[in-house]
């Protein structure tokens, strides 16, 4: 099953900046070959359910390895059974209505 996920990994106990850890998660998503788009407060990612959630698990493992004793992650998940839809298609649908 394909899924579109919006997630935000928040390391706790490492200080104020988390850009190093966010960059590591972006590298993880790249290594899984997942289409993803970072935004100011998280990342959108699309792909096979198991692959996406395996990548998120790997993000957690890597951020812990980097020294974060705790991580809090928010995840929003969307699936469809009527047809496949990409993140780009969802955005394009809204942008067409702006004209």
Protein backbone atom coordinates (compact mmCIF):
# COMPACT_ATOMS: atom_id res chain seq x y z
CA UNK A 1 0.00 0.00 0.00
CA UNK A 2 1.30 3.46 -0.90
CA UNK A 3 1.30 6.16 1.74
CA UNK A 4 1.97 9.87 2.05
CA UNK A 5 3.40 10.80 5.43
CA UNK A 6 4.18 14.11 7.10
CA UNK A 7 6.55 13.60 10.00
CA UNK A 8 8.67 15.64 12.34
CA UNK A 9 11.47 14.10 14.39
CA UNK A 10 12.31 16.16 17.47
CA UNK A 11 15.43 15.13 19.36
CA UNK A 12 15.22 15.94 23.06
CA UNK A 13 18.15 16.66 25.33
CA UNK A 14 20.67 17.83 22.74
CA UNK A 15 20.27 21.61 22.82
CA UNK A 16 18.40 24.12 20.71
CA UNK A 17 19.51 23.42 17.12
CA UNK A 18 18.47 20.16 15.50
CA UNK A 19 19.60 20.88 11.93
CA UNK A 20 22.37 18.28 12.07
CA UNK A 21 19.87 15.57 13.05
CA UNK A 22 17.34 16.73 10.44
CA UNK A 23 20.06 16.56 7.79
CA UNK A 24 20.83 13.00 8.85
CA UNK A 25 17.17 12.02 8.44
CA UNK A 26 17.16 13.57 4.96
CA UNK A 27 20.17 11.38 4.12
CA UNK A 28 18.27 8.34 5.39
CA UNK A 29 15.29 9.10 3.14
CA UNK A 30 17.67 9.52 0.19
CA UNK A 31 19.29 6.16 0.95
CA UNK A 32 15.85 4.50 0.84
CA UNK A 33 15.16 6.13 -2.54
CA UNK A 34 11.99 7.78 -1.23
CA UNK A 35 10.47 10.88 -2.78
CA UNK A 36 10.47 13.48 -0.01
CA UNK A 37 10.17 17.19 0.58
CA UNK A 38 11.47 18.94 3.67
CA UNK A 39 9.55 21.94 4.99
CA UNK A 40 10.06 24.29 7.94
CA UNK A 41 8.52 21.97 10.54
CA UNK A 42 8.95 18.50 9.13
CA UNK A 43 9.16 16.37 6.02
CA UNK A 44 6.64 14.94 3.57
CA UNK A 45 7.52 11.53 2.18
CA UNK A 46 5.72 9.12 -0.14
CA UNK A 47 6.17 5.49 -1.01
CA UNK A 48 5.38 1.97 0.03
CA UNK A 49 4.01 1.81 3.61
CA UNK A 50 6.67 -0.62 4.89
CA UNK A 51 9.53 1.24 3.23
CA UNK A 52 8.42 4.65 4.55
CA UNK A 53 8.00 3.41 8.12
CA UNK A 54 11.28 1.50 7.95
CA UNK A 55 12.99 4.75 6.93
CA UNK A 56 11.38 6.61 9.84
CA UNK A 57 12.61 3.88 12.20
CA UNK A 58 16.11 4.26 10.74
CA UNK A 59 15.89 8.03 11.31
CA UNK A 60 15.19 7.33 14.98
CA UNK A 61 18.09 4.89 15.21
CA UNK A 62 20.52 7.35 13.58
CA UNK A 63 19.45 10.30 15.74
CA UNK A 64 19.86 8.18 18.87
CA UNK A 65 23.32 7.15 17.61
CA UNK A 66 24.12 10.86 17.26
CA UNK A 67 23.57 11.33 20.98
CA UNK A 68 19.89 12.18 21.44
CA UNK A 69 18.67 10.35 24.54
CA UNK A 70 15.02 10.95 23.62
CA UNK A 71 13.06 11.60 20.44
CA UNK A 72 9.48 12.75 20.00
CA UNK A 73 8.03 12.27 16.54
CA UNK A 74 4.69 13.40 15.15
CA UNK A 75 3.37 11.48 12.15
CA UNK A 76 0.39 12.17 9.91
CA UNK A 77 -0.47 9.39 7.47
CA UNK A 78 -2.67 9.39 4.39
CA UNK A 79 -3.65 6.48 2.16
CA UNK A 80 -6.10 6.05 -0.70
CA UNK A 81 -7.78 2.97 -2.10
CA UNK A 82 -9.61 4.58 -5.01
CA UNK A 83 -6.44 5.58 -6.89
CA UNK A 84 -2.76 6.36 -6.44
CA UNK A 85 -1.93 10.01 -5.78
CA UNK A 86 1.45 11.68 -5.39
CA UNK A 87 2.41 14.64 -3.24
CA UNK A 88 2.96 16.66 -6.42
CA UNK A 89 -0.54 15.84 -7.68
CA UNK A 90 -2.08 16.98 -4.39
CA UNK A 91 -0.24 20.31 -4.57
CA UNK A 92 -1.04 20.76 -8.26
CA UNK A 93 -4.75 20.22 -7.57
CA UNK A 94 -4.78 23.12 -5.12
CA UNK A 95 -2.59 25.37 -7.28
CA UNK A 96 -4.98 24.95 -10.24
CA UNK A 97 -7.77 26.33 -8.09
CA UNK A 98 -5.76 29.45 -7.24
CA UNK A 99 -5.96 30.81 -10.79
